[in-house]
Amino acid sequence: SRDQVSDLLFYAFLGVVLGGRLGYVFFYGWQWLLED
C-alpha cells in the first residue's frame, strides 16, 4: 500500500543519511574522528 511504501521510504532515507555519514567517517576519515 502507499502507507507501507511511505514507511519504507522514511526508514530508507534515515538509513542513507546516517549510514552514509557513519560509513564515510569509519571507512575514510577514522583518523580525523580520533583527533576530533
Full PDB file with SEQRES, HELIX, SHEET, SSBOND, CRYST1, ORIGX, SCALE, CONECT and MASTER records, all heavy atoms in Angstrom:
SEQRES   1 A   36  SER ARG ASP GLN VAL SER ASP LEU LEU PHE TYR ALA PHE          
SEQRES   2 A   36  LEU GLY VAL VAL LEU GLY GLY ARG LEU GLY TYR VAL PHE          
SEQRES   3 A   36  PHE TYR GLY TRP GLN TRP LEU LEU GLU ASP                      
HELIX    1 AA1 ARG A    2  TYR A   28  1                                  27    
HELIX    2 AA2 TRP A   30  GLU A   35  1                                   6    
CRYST1    1.000    1.000    1.000  90.00  90.00  90.00 P 1           1          
ORIGX1      1.000000  0.000000  0.000000        0.00000                         
ORIGX2      0.000000  1.000000  0.000000        0.00000                         
ORIGX3      0.000000  0.000000  1.000000        0.00000                         
SCALE1      1.000000  0.000000  0.000000        0.00000                         
SCALE2      0.000000  1.000000  0.000000        0.00000                         
SCALE3      0.000000  0.000000  1.000000        0.00000                         
ATOM      1  N   SER A   1       0.854  -1.189   0.000  1.00  0.00           N  
ATOM      2  CA  SER A   1       0.000   0.000   0.000  1.00  0.00           C  
ATOM      3  C   SER A   1       0.888   1.237   0.000  1.00  0.00           C  
ATOM      4  O   SER A   1       2.093   1.153   0.286  1.00  0.00           O  
ATOM      5  CB  SER A   1      -0.899   0.015   1.233  1.00  0.00           C  
ATOM      6  OG  SER A   1      -0.128   0.221   2.418  1.00  0.00           O  
ATOM      7  N   ARG A   2       0.298   2.374  -0.285  1.00  0.00           N  
ATOM      8  CA  ARG A   2       1.086   3.615  -0.266  1.00  0.00           C  
ATOM      9  C   ARG A   2       1.586   3.931   1.138  1.00  0.00           C  
ATOM     10  O   ARG A   2       2.679   4.481   1.301  1.00  0.00           O  
ATOM     11  CB  ARG A   2       0.256   4.773  -0.815  1.00  0.00           C  
ATOM     12  CG  ARG A   2       0.059   4.719  -2.328  1.00  0.00           C  
ATOM     13  CD  ARG A   2      -0.336   6.065  -2.881  1.00  0.00           C  
ATOM     14  NE  ARG A   2      -0.272   6.076  -4.346  1.00  0.00           N  
ATOM     15  CZ  ARG A   2       0.059   7.138  -5.065  1.00  0.00           C  
ATOM     16  NH1 ARG A   2       0.365   8.287  -4.466  1.00  0.00           N  
ATOM     17  NH2 ARG A   2       0.089   7.081  -6.389  1.00  0.00           N  
ATOM     18  N   ASP A   3       0.812   3.612   2.160  1.00  0.00           N  
ATOM     19  CA  ASP A   3       1.267   3.847   3.532  1.00  0.00           C  
ATOM     20  C   ASP A   3       2.489   2.989   3.849  1.00  0.00           C  
ATOM     21  O   ASP A   3       3.437   3.457   4.508  1.00  0.00           O  
ATOM     22  CB  ASP A   3       0.142   3.531   4.526  1.00  0.00           C  
ATOM     23  CG  ASP A   3      -0.948   4.590   4.527  1.00  0.00           C  
ATOM     24  OD1 ASP A   3      -0.690   5.710   4.040  1.00  0.00           O  
ATOM     25  OD2 ASP A   3      -2.059   4.292   5.014  1.00  0.00           O  
ATOM     26  N   GLN A   4       2.485   1.748   3.392  1.00  0.00           N  
ATOM     27  CA  GLN A   4       3.640   0.879   3.619  1.00  0.00           C  
ATOM     28  C   GLN A   4       4.862   1.381   2.861  1.00  0.00           C  
ATOM     29  O   GLN A   4       5.988   1.321   3.360  1.00  0.00           O  
ATOM     30  CB  GLN A   4       3.295  -0.554   3.208  1.00  0.00           C  
ATOM     31  CG  GLN A   4       2.282  -1.218   4.130  1.00  0.00           C  
ATOM     32  CD  GLN A   4       1.816  -2.560   3.600  1.00  0.00           C  
ATOM     33  OE1 GLN A   4       1.725  -2.775   2.381  1.00  0.00           O  
ATOM     34  NE2 GLN A   4       1.501  -3.472   4.509  1.00  0.00           N  
ATOM     35  N   VAL A   5       4.640   1.886   1.653  1.00  0.00           N  
ATOM     36  CA  VAL A   5       5.734   2.478   0.885  1.00  0.00           C  
ATOM     37  C   VAL A   5       6.291   3.697   1.607  1.00  0.00           C  
ATOM     38  O   VAL A   5       7.513   3.903   1.653  1.00  0.00           O  
ATOM     39  CB  VAL A   5       5.254   2.850  -0.534  1.00  0.00           C  
ATOM     40  CG1 VAL A   5       6.229   3.800  -1.210  1.00  0.00           C  
ATOM     41  CG2 VAL A   5       5.069   1.594  -1.374  1.00  0.00           C  
ATOM     42  N   SER A   6       5.418   4.513   2.184  1.00  0.00           N  
ATOM     43  CA  SER A   6       5.870   5.701   2.915  1.00  0.00           C  
ATOM     44  C   SER A   6       6.754   5.319   4.094  1.00  0.00           C  
ATOM     45  O   SER A   6       7.785   5.963   4.350  1.00  0.00           O  
ATOM     46  CB  SER A   6       4.666   6.511   3.412  1.00  0.00           C  
ATOM     47  OG  SER A   6       3.940   7.044   2.329  1.00  0.00           O  
ATOM     48  N   ASP A   7       6.365   4.269   4.829  1.00  0.00           N  
ATOM     49  CA  ASP A   7       7.200   3.793   5.933  1.00  0.00           C  
ATOM     50  C   ASP A   7       8.562   3.336   5.420  1.00  0.00           C  
ATOM     51  O   ASP A   7       9.605   3.649   6.015  1.00  0.00           O  
ATOM     52  CB  ASP A   7       6.511   2.625   6.649  1.00  0.00           C  
ATOM     53  CG  ASP A   7       5.417   3.090   7.591  1.00  0.00           C  
ATOM     54  OD1 ASP A   7       5.347   4.305   7.858  1.00  0.00           O  
ATOM     55  OD2 ASP A   7       4.648   2.244   8.064  1.00  0.00           O  
ATOM     56  N   LEU A   8       8.544   2.594   4.330  1.00  0.00           N  
ATOM     57  CA  LEU A   8       9.793   2.108   3.753  1.00  0.00           C  
ATOM     58  C   LEU A   8      10.701   3.261   3.356  1.00  0.00           C  
ATOM     59  O   LEU A   8      11.906   3.261   3.654  1.00  0.00           O  
ATOM     60  CB  LEU A   8       9.483   1.235   2.531  1.00  0.00           C  
ATOM     61  CG  LEU A   8      10.679   0.780   1.683  1.00  0.00           C  
ATOM     62  CD1 LEU A   8      11.653  -0.038   2.510  1.00  0.00           C  
ATOM     63  CD2 LEU A   8      10.184  -0.015   0.477  1.00  0.00           C  
ATOM     64  N   LEU A   9      10.157   4.261   2.694  1.00  0.00           N  
ATOM     65  CA  LEU A   9      10.949   5.400   2.254  1.00  0.00           C  
ATOM     66  C   LEU A   9      11.510   6.185   3.429  1.00  0.00           C  
ATOM     67  O   LEU A   9      12.659   6.644   3.392  1.00  0.00           O  
ATOM     68  CB  LEU A   9      10.102   6.312   1.369  1.00  0.00           C  
ATOM     69  CG  LEU A   9       9.783   5.785  -0.029  1.00  0.00           C  
ATOM     70  CD1 LEU A   9       8.687   6.621  -0.679  1.00  0.00           C  
ATOM     71  CD2 LEU A   9      11.031   5.797  -0.900  1.00  0.00           C  
ATOM     72  N   PHE A  10      10.713   6.349   4.468  1.00  0.00           N  
ATOM     73  CA  PHE A  10      11.167   7.104   5.638  1.00  0.00           C  
ATOM     74  C   PHE A  10      12.388   6.446   6.277  1.00  0.00           C  
ATOM     75  O   PHE A  10      13.418   7.107   6.517  1.00  0.00           O  
ATOM     76  CB  PHE A  10      10.034   7.202   6.672  1.00  0.00           C  
ATOM     77  CG  PHE A  10      10.452   7.828   7.972  1.00  0.00           C  
ATOM     78  CD1 PHE A  10      10.654   9.194   8.067  1.00  0.00           C  
ATOM     79  CD2 PHE A  10      10.649   7.035   9.101  1.00  0.00           C  
ATOM     80  CE1 PHE A  10      11.056   9.784   9.269  1.00  0.00           C  
ATOM     81  CE2 PHE A  10      11.044   7.610  10.304  1.00  0.00           C  
ATOM     82  CZ  PHE A  10      11.245   8.979  10.386  1.00  0.00           C  
ATOM     83  N   TYR A  11      12.304   5.148   6.527  1.00  0.00           N  
ATOM     84  CA  TYR A  11      13.417   4.468   7.183  1.00  0.00           C  
ATOM     85  C   TYR A  11      14.611   4.307   6.236  1.00  0.00           C  
ATOM     86  O   TYR A  11      15.769   4.354   6.684  1.00  0.00           O  
ATOM     87  CB  TYR A  11      12.958   3.117   7.721  1.00  0.00           C  
ATOM     88  CG  TYR A  11      12.049   3.250   8.923  1.00  0.00           C  
ATOM     89  CD1 TYR A  11      10.688   2.990   8.835  1.00  0.00           C  
ATOM     90  CD2 TYR A  11      12.553   3.667  10.154  1.00  0.00           C  
ATOM     91  CE1 TYR A  11       9.851   3.130   9.927  1.00  0.00           C  
ATOM     92  CE2 TYR A  11      11.723   3.810  11.266  1.00  0.00           C  
ATOM     93  CZ  TYR A  11      10.368   3.540  11.145  1.00  0.00           C  
ATOM     94  OH  TYR A  11       9.551   3.692  12.234  1.00  0.00           O  
ATOM     95  N   ALA A  12      14.340   4.133   4.951  1.00  0.00           N  
ATOM     96  CA  ALA A  12      15.437   4.054   3.994  1.00  0.00           C  
ATOM     97  C   ALA A  12      16.191   5.381   3.919  1.00  0.00           C  
ATOM     98  O   ALA A  12      17.429   5.398   3.819  1.00  0.00           O  
ATOM     99  CB  ALA A  12      14.909   3.670   2.618  1.00  0.00           C  
ATOM    100  N   PHE A  13      15.448   6.492   3.971  1.00  0.00           N  
ATOM    101  CA  PHE A  13      16.092   7.808   3.951  1.00  0.00           C  
ATOM    102  C   PHE A  13      16.984   7.983   5.180  1.00  0.00           C  
ATOM    103  O   PHE A  13      18.128   8.452   5.066  1.00  0.00           O  
ATOM    104  CB  PHE A  13      15.027   8.905   3.908  1.00  0.00           C  
ATOM    105  CG  PHE A  13      15.586  10.291   3.920  1.00  0.00           C  
ATOM    106  CD1 PHE A  13      16.117  10.847   2.766  1.00  0.00           C  
ATOM    107  CD2 PHE A  13      15.592  11.053   5.081  1.00  0.00           C  
ATOM    108  CE1 PHE A  13      16.644  12.134   2.765  1.00  0.00           C  
ATOM    109  CE2 PHE A  13      16.117  12.337   5.099  1.00  0.00           C  
ATOM    110  CZ  PHE A  13      16.642  12.877   3.930  1.00  0.00           C  
ATOM    111  N   LEU A  14      16.483   7.589   6.354  1.00  0.00           N  
ATOM    112  CA  LEU A  14      17.316   7.656   7.551  1.00  0.00           C  
ATOM    113  C   LEU A  14      18.555   6.781   7.398  1.00  0.00           C  
ATOM    114  O   LEU A  14      19.658   7.170   7.801  1.00  0.00           O  
ATOM    115  CB  LEU A  14      16.511   7.201   8.778  1.00  0.00           C  
ATOM    116  CG  LEU A  14      15.429   8.142   9.295  1.00  0.00           C  
ATOM    117  CD1 LEU A  14      14.757   7.535  10.526  1.00  0.00           C  
ATOM    118  CD2 LEU A  14      16.001   9.508   9.641  1.00  0.00           C  
ATOM    119  N   GLY A  15      18.365   5.611   6.806  1.00  0.00           N  
ATOM    120  CA  GLY A  15      19.496   4.711   6.606  1.00  0.00           C  
ATOM    121  C   GLY A  15      20.552   5.303   5.702  1.00  0.00           C  
ATOM    122  O   GLY A  15      21.752   5.178   5.964  1.00  0.00           O  
ATOM    123  N   VAL A  16      20.115   5.967   4.617  1.00  0.00           N  
ATOM    124  CA  VAL A  16      21.056   6.593   3.690  1.00  0.00           C  
ATOM    125  C   VAL A  16      21.861   7.679   4.392  1.00  0.00           C  
ATOM    126  O   VAL A  16      23.094   7.740   4.286  1.00  0.00           O  
ATOM    127  CB  VAL A  16      20.315   7.177   2.476  1.00  0.00           C  
ATOM    128  CG1 VAL A  16      21.237   8.083   1.672  1.00  0.00           C  
ATOM    129  CG2 VAL A  16      19.782   6.062   1.588  1.00  0.00           C  
ATOM    130  N   VAL A  17      21.168   8.561   5.101  1.00  0.00           N  
ATOM    131  CA  VAL A  17      21.839   9.708   5.726  1.00  0.00           C  
ATOM    132  C   VAL A  17      22.759   9.269   6.868  1.00  0.00           C  
ATOM    133  O   VAL A  17      23.953   9.614   6.898  1.00  0.00           O  
ATOM    134  CB  VAL A  17      20.799  10.725   6.229  1.00  0.00           C  
ATOM    135  CG1 VAL A  17      21.477  11.851   7.002  1.00  0.00           C  
ATOM    136  CG2 VAL A  17      20.002  11.297   5.059  1.00  0.00           C  
ATOM    137  N   LEU A  18      22.208   8.493   7.813  1.00  0.00           N  
ATOM    138  CA  LEU A  18      23.016   8.086   8.961  1.00  0.00           C  
ATOM    139  C   LEU A  18      24.108   7.100   8.557  1.00  0.00           C  
ATOM    140  O   LEU A  18      25.271   7.239   8.954  1.00  0.00           O  
ATOM    141  CB  LEU A  18      22.110   7.466  10.031  1.00  0.00           C  
ATOM    142  CG  LEU A  18      21.052   8.391  10.632  1.00  0.00           C  
ATOM    143  CD1 LEU A  18      20.207   7.645  11.649  1.00  0.00           C  
ATOM    144  CD2 LEU A  18      21.701   9.604  11.290  1.00  0.00           C  
ATOM    145  N   GLY A  19      23.730   6.111   7.764  1.00  0.00           N  
ATOM    146  CA  GLY A  19      24.716   5.129   7.332  1.00  0.00           C  
ATOM    147  C   GLY A  19      25.778   5.741   6.439  1.00  0.00           C  
ATOM    148  O   GLY A  19      26.961   5.395   6.536  1.00  0.00           O  
ATOM    149  N   GLY A  20      25.350   6.650   5.547  1.00  0.00           N  
ATOM    150  CA  GLY A  20      26.303   7.288   4.648  1.00  0.00           C  
ATOM    151  C   GLY A  20      27.346   8.092   5.393  1.00  0.00           C  
ATOM    152  O   GLY A  20      28.540   8.038   5.065  1.00  0.00           O  
ATOM    153  N   ARG A  21      26.903   8.823   6.400  1.00  0.00           N  
ATOM    154  CA  ARG A  21      27.864   9.636   7.162  1.00  0.00           C  
ATOM    155  C   ARG A  21      28.766   8.766   8.039  1.00  0.00           C  
ATOM    156  O   ARG A  21      29.989   8.937   8.066  1.00  0.00           O  
ATOM    157  CB  ARG A  21      27.120  10.659   8.038  1.00  0.00           C  
ATOM    158  CG  ARG A  21      28.056  11.582   8.822  1.00  0.00           C  
ATOM    159  CD  ARG A  21      29.026  12.293   7.908  1.00  0.00           C  
ATOM    160  NE  ARG A  21      29.992  13.099   8.655  1.00  0.00           N  
ATOM    161  CZ  ARG A  21      31.068  13.655   8.102  1.00  0.00           C  
ATOM    162  NH1 ARG A  21      31.310  13.494   6.811  1.00  0.00           N  
ATOM    163  NH2 ARG A  21      31.894  14.374   8.826  1.00  0.00           N  
ATOM    164  N   LEU A  22      28.163   7.821   8.747  1.00  0.00           N  
ATOM    165  CA  LEU A  22      28.962   6.935   9.591  1.00  0.00           C  
ATOM    166  C   LEU A  22      29.948   6.130   8.742  1.00  0.00           C  
ATOM    167  O   LEU A  22      31.102   5.929   9.136  1.00  0.00           O  
ATOM    168  CB  LEU A  22      28.042   5.985  10.369  1.00  0.00           C  
ATOM    169  CG  LEU A  22      27.237   6.614  11.506  1.00  0.00           C  
ATOM    170  CD1 LEU A  22      26.208   5.622  12.027  1.00  0.00           C  
ATOM    171  CD2 LEU A  22      28.164   7.053  12.637  1.00  0.00           C  
ATOM    172  N   GLY A  23      29.483   5.696   7.574  1.00  0.00           N  
ATOM    173  CA  GLY A  23      30.362   4.930   6.696  1.00  0.00           C  
ATOM    174  C   GLY A  23      31.548   5.743   6.233  1.00  0.00           C  
ATOM    175  O   GLY A  23      32.684   5.234   6.195  1.00  0.00           O  
ATOM    176  N   TYR A  24      31.319   7.008   5.873  1.00  0.00           N  
ATOM    177  CA  TYR A  24      32.442   7.835   5.426  1.00  0.00           C  
ATOM    178  C   TYR A  24      33.459   8.016   6.547  1.00  0.00           C  
ATOM    179  O   TYR A  24      34.667   7.902   6.338  1.00  0.00           O  
ATOM    180  CB  TYR A  24      31.975   9.203   4.939  1.00  0.00           C  
ATOM    181  CG  TYR A  24      33.142  10.005   4.394  1.00  0.00           C  
ATOM    182  CD1 TYR A  24      33.522   9.877   3.067  1.00  0.00           C  
ATOM    183  CD2 TYR A  24      33.899  10.840   5.215  1.00  0.00           C  
ATOM    184  CE1 TYR A  24      34.617  10.554   2.567  1.00  0.00           C  
ATOM    185  CE2 TYR A  24      34.996  11.521   4.733  1.00  0.00           C  
ATOM    186  CZ  TYR A  24      35.347  11.384   3.407  1.00  0.00           C  
ATOM    187  OH  TYR A  24      36.443  12.041   2.925  1.00  0.00           O  
ATOM    188  N   VAL A  25      32.948   8.291   7.745  1.00  0.00           N  
ATOM    189  CA  VAL A  25      33.850   8.550   8.872  1.00  0.00           C  
ATOM    190  C   VAL A  25      34.676   7.307   9.202  1.00  0.00           C  
ATOM    191  O   VAL A  25      35.897   7.383   9.394  1.00  0.00           O  
ATOM    192  CB  VAL A  25      33.042   9.013  10.099  1.00  0.00           C  
ATOM    193  CG1 VAL A  25      33.937   9.052  11.345  1.00  0.00           C  
ATOM    194  CG2 VAL A  25      32.446  10.395   9.848  1.00  0.00           C  
ATOM    195  N   PHE A  26      34.042   6.145   9.236  1.00  0.00           N  
ATOM    196  CA  PHE A  26      34.750   4.940   9.646  1.00  0.00           C  
ATOM    197  C   PHE A  26      35.581   4.327   8.522  1.00  0.00           C  
ATOM    198  O   PHE A  26      36.626   3.725   8.776  1.00  0.00           O  
ATOM    199  CB  PHE A  26      33.769   3.907  10.208  1.00  0.00           C  
ATOM    200  CG  PHE A  26      33.248   4.262  11.564  1.00  0.00           C  
ATOM    201  CD1 PHE A  26      31.979   4.789  11.721  1.00  0.00           C  
ATOM    202  CD2 PHE A  26      34.031   4.091  12.694  1.00  0.00           C  
ATOM    203  CE1 PHE A  26      31.496   5.134  12.974  1.00  0.00           C  
ATOM    204  CE2 PHE A  26      33.561   4.430  13.959  1.00  0.00           C  
ATOM    205  CZ  PHE A  26      32.291   4.959  14.102  1.00  0.00           C  
ATOM    206  N   PHE A  27      35.146   4.472   7.265  1.00  0.00           N  
ATOM    207  CA  PHE A  27      35.905   3.905   6.149  1.00  0.00           C  
ATOM    208  C   PHE A  27      37.019   4.834   5.665  1.00  0.00           C  
ATOM    209  O   PHE A  27      38.074   4.380   5.246  1.00  0.00           O  
ATOM    210  CB  PHE A  27      34.979   3.601   4.972  1.00  0.00           C  
ATOM    211  CG  PHE A  27      33.975   2.513   5.233  1.00  0.00           C  
ATOM    212  CD1 PHE A  27      32.726   2.561   4.647  1.00  0.00           C  
ATOM    213  CD2 PHE A  27      34.278   1.458   6.069  1.00  0.00           C  
ATOM    214  CE1 PHE A  27      31.789   1.558   4.874  1.00  0.00           C  
ATOM    215  CE2 PHE A  27      33.342   0.446   6.314  1.00  0.00           C  
ATOM    216  CZ  PHE A  27      32.100   0.499   5.713  1.00  0.00           C  
ATOM    217  N   TYR A  28      36.763   6.157   5.711  1.00  0.00           N  
ATOM    218  CA  TYR A  28      37.682   7.100   5.078  1.00  0.00           C  
ATOM    219  C   TYR A  28      38.263   8.151   6.032  1.00  0.00           C  
ATOM    220  O   TYR A  28      39.278   8.750   5.711  1.00  0.00           O  
ATOM    221  CB  TYR A  28      36.982   7.836   3.934  1.00  0.00           C  
ATOM    222  CG  TYR A  28      36.494   6.931   2.834  1.00  0.00           C  
ATOM    223  CD1 TYR A  28      35.171   6.524   2.776  1.00  0.00           C  
ATOM    224  CD2 TYR A  28      37.357   6.486   1.835  1.00  0.00           C  
ATOM    225  CE1 TYR A  28      34.710   5.687   1.760  1.00  0.00           C  
ATOM    226  CE2 TYR A  28      36.918   5.660   0.809  1.00  0.00           C  
ATOM    227  CZ  TYR A  28      35.594   5.266   0.786  1.00  0.00           C  
ATOM    228  OH  TYR A  28      35.144   4.443  -0.222  1.00  0.00           O  
ATOM    229  N   GLY A  29      37.604   8.421   7.154  1.00  0.00           N  
ATOM    230  CA  GLY A  29      38.048   9.529   7.998  1.00  0.00           C  
ATOM    231  C   GLY A  29      38.270   9.161   9.449  1.00  0.00           C  
ATOM    232  O   GLY A  29      38.089   9.997  10.345  1.00  0.00           O  
ATOM    233  N   TRP A  30      38.679   7.914   9.690  1.00  0.00           N  
ATOM    234  CA  TRP A  30      38.843   7.438  11.064  1.00  0.00           C  
ATOM    235  C   TRP A  30      39.850   8.278  11.843  1.00  0.00           C  
ATOM    236  O   TRP A  30      39.645   8.588  13.012  1.00  0.00           O  
ATOM    237  CB  TRP A  30      39.270   5.972  11.042  1.00  0.00           C  
ATOM    238  CG  TRP A  30      39.450   5.348  12.387  1.00  0.00           C  
ATOM    239  CD1 TRP A  30      40.615   4.964  12.966  1.00  0.00           C  
ATOM    240  CD2 TRP A  30      38.414   5.049  13.334  1.00  0.00           C  
ATOM    241  NE1 TRP A  30      40.384   4.428  14.214  1.00  0.00           N  
ATOM    242  CE2 TRP A  30      39.047   4.472  14.472  1.00  0.00           C  
ATOM    243  CE3 TRP A  30      37.034   5.210  13.347  1.00  0.00           C  
ATOM    244  CZ2 TRP A  30      38.335   4.050  15.593  1.00  0.00           C  
ATOM    245  CZ3 TRP A  30      36.319   4.797  14.469  1.00  0.00           C  
ATOM    246  CH2 TRP A  30      36.966   4.223  15.569  1.00  0.00           C  
ATOM    247  N   GLN A  31      40.945   8.654  11.182  1.00  0.00           N  
ATOM    248  CA  GLN A  31      41.979   9.403  11.896  1.00  0.00           C  
ATOM    249  C   GLN A  31      41.473  10.774  12.322  1.00  0.00           C  
ATOM    250  O   GLN A  31      41.858  11.285  13.379  1.00  0.00           O  
ATOM    251  CB  GLN A  31      43.251   9.545  11.028  1.00  0.00           C  
ATOM    252  CG  GLN A  31      43.108  10.424   9.805  1.00  0.00           C  
ATOM    253  CD  GLN A  31      42.595   9.657   8.607  1.00  0.00           C  
ATOM    254  OE1 GLN A  31      41.819   8.713   8.746  1.00  0.00           O  
ATOM    255  NE2 GLN A  31      43.034  10.055   7.415  1.00  0.00           N  
ATOM    256  N   TRP A  32      40.597  11.387  11.513  1.00  0.00           N  
ATOM    257  CA  TRP A  32      40.050  12.686  11.889  1.00  0.00           C  
ATOM    258  C   TRP A  32      39.076  12.553  13.052  1.00  0.00           C  
ATOM    259  O   TRP A  32      38.970  13.444  13.888  1.00  0.00           O  
ATOM    260  CB  TRP A  32      39.362  13.330  10.684  1.00  0.00           C  
ATOM    261  CG  TRP A  32      40.323  13.686   9.596  1.00  0.00           C  
ATOM    262  CD1 TRP A  32      41.623  14.053   9.732  1.00  0.00           C  
ATOM    263  CD2 TRP A  32      40.048  13.712   8.197  1.00  0.00           C  
ATOM    264  NE1 TRP A  32      42.194  14.309   8.520  1.00  0.00           N  
ATOM    265  CE2 TRP A  32      41.256  14.106   7.554  1.00  0.00           C  
ATOM    266  CE3 TRP A  32      38.923  13.446   7.417  1.00  0.00           C  
ATOM    267  CZ2 TRP A  32      41.345  14.235   6.171  1.00  0.00           C  
ATOM    268  CZ3 TRP A  32      39.022  13.572   6.045  1.00  0.00           C  
ATOM    269  CH2 TRP A  32      40.221  13.955   5.429  1.00  0.00           C  
ATOM    270  N   LEU A  33      38.353  11.444  13.101  1.00  0.00           N  
ATOM    271  CA  LEU A  33      37.435  11.219  14.221  1.00  0.00           C  
ATOM    272  C   LEU A  33      38.207  11.071  15.523  1.00  0.00           C  
ATOM    273  O   LEU A  33      37.773  11.565  16.569  1.00  0.00           O  
ATOM    274  CB  LEU A  33      36.589   9.972  13.960  1.00  0.00           C  
ATOM    275  CG  LEU A  33      35.564   9.627  15.048  1.00  0.00           C  
ATOM    276  CD1 LEU A  33      34.485  10.714  15.129  1.00  0.00           C  
ATOM    277  CD2 LEU A  33      34.914   8.281  14.769  1.00  0.00           C  
ATOM    278  N   LEU A  34      39.362  10.418  15.466  1.00  0.00           N  
ATOM    279  CA  LEU A  34      40.183  10.259  16.669  1.00  0.00           C  
ATOM    280  C   LEU A  34      40.719  11.614  17.144  1.00  0.00           C  
ATOM    281  O   LEU A  34      40.827  11.856  18.347  1.00  0.00           O  
ATOM    282  CB  LEU A  34      41.349   9.305  16.397  1.00  0.00           C  
ATOM    283  CG  LEU A  34      40.972   7.844  16.108  1.00  0.00           C  
ATOM    284  CD1 LEU A  34      42.216   7.028  15.792  1.00  0.00           C  
ATOM    285  CD2 LEU A  34      40.217   7.237  17.287  1.00  0.00           C  
ATOM    286  N   GLU A  35      41.025  12.500  16.193  1.00  0.00           N  
ATOM    287  CA  GLU A  35      41.532  13.823  16.553  1.00  0.00           C  
ATOM    288  C   GLU A  35      40.419  14.743  17.044  1.00  0.00           C  
ATOM    289  O   GLU A  35      40.648  15.573  17.925  1.00  0.00           O  
ATOM    290  CB  GLU A  35      42.217  14.454  15.338  1.00  0.00           C  
ATOM    291  CG  GLU A  35      43.468  13.708  14.876  1.00  0.00           C  
ATOM    292  CD  GLU A  35      43.997  14.243  13.560  1.00  0.00           C  
ATOM    293  OE1 GLU A  35      43.413  15.217  13.040  1.00  0.00           O  
ATOM    294  OE2 GLU A  35      45.002  13.696  13.048  1.00  0.00           O  
ATOM    295  N   ASP A  36      39.222  14.573  16.475  1.00  0.00           N  
ATOM    296  CA  ASP A  36      38.101  15.446  16.822  1.00  0.00           C  
ATOM    297  C   ASP A  36      36.806  14.651  16.769  1.00  0.00           C  
ATOM    298  O   ASP A  36      36.260  14.420  15.687  1.00  0.00           O  
ATOM    299  CB  ASP A  36      38.035  16.628  15.849  1.00  0.00           C  
ATOM    300  CG  ASP A  36      36.851  17.548  16.131  1.00  0.00           C  
ATOM    301  OD1 ASP A  36      36.253  17.438  17.224  1.00  0.00           O  
ATOM    302  OD2 ASP A  36      36.522  18.374  15.260  1.00  0.00           O  
TER     303      ASP A  36                                                      
MASTER        0    0    0    2    0    0    0    6  302    1    0    3          
END                                                                             
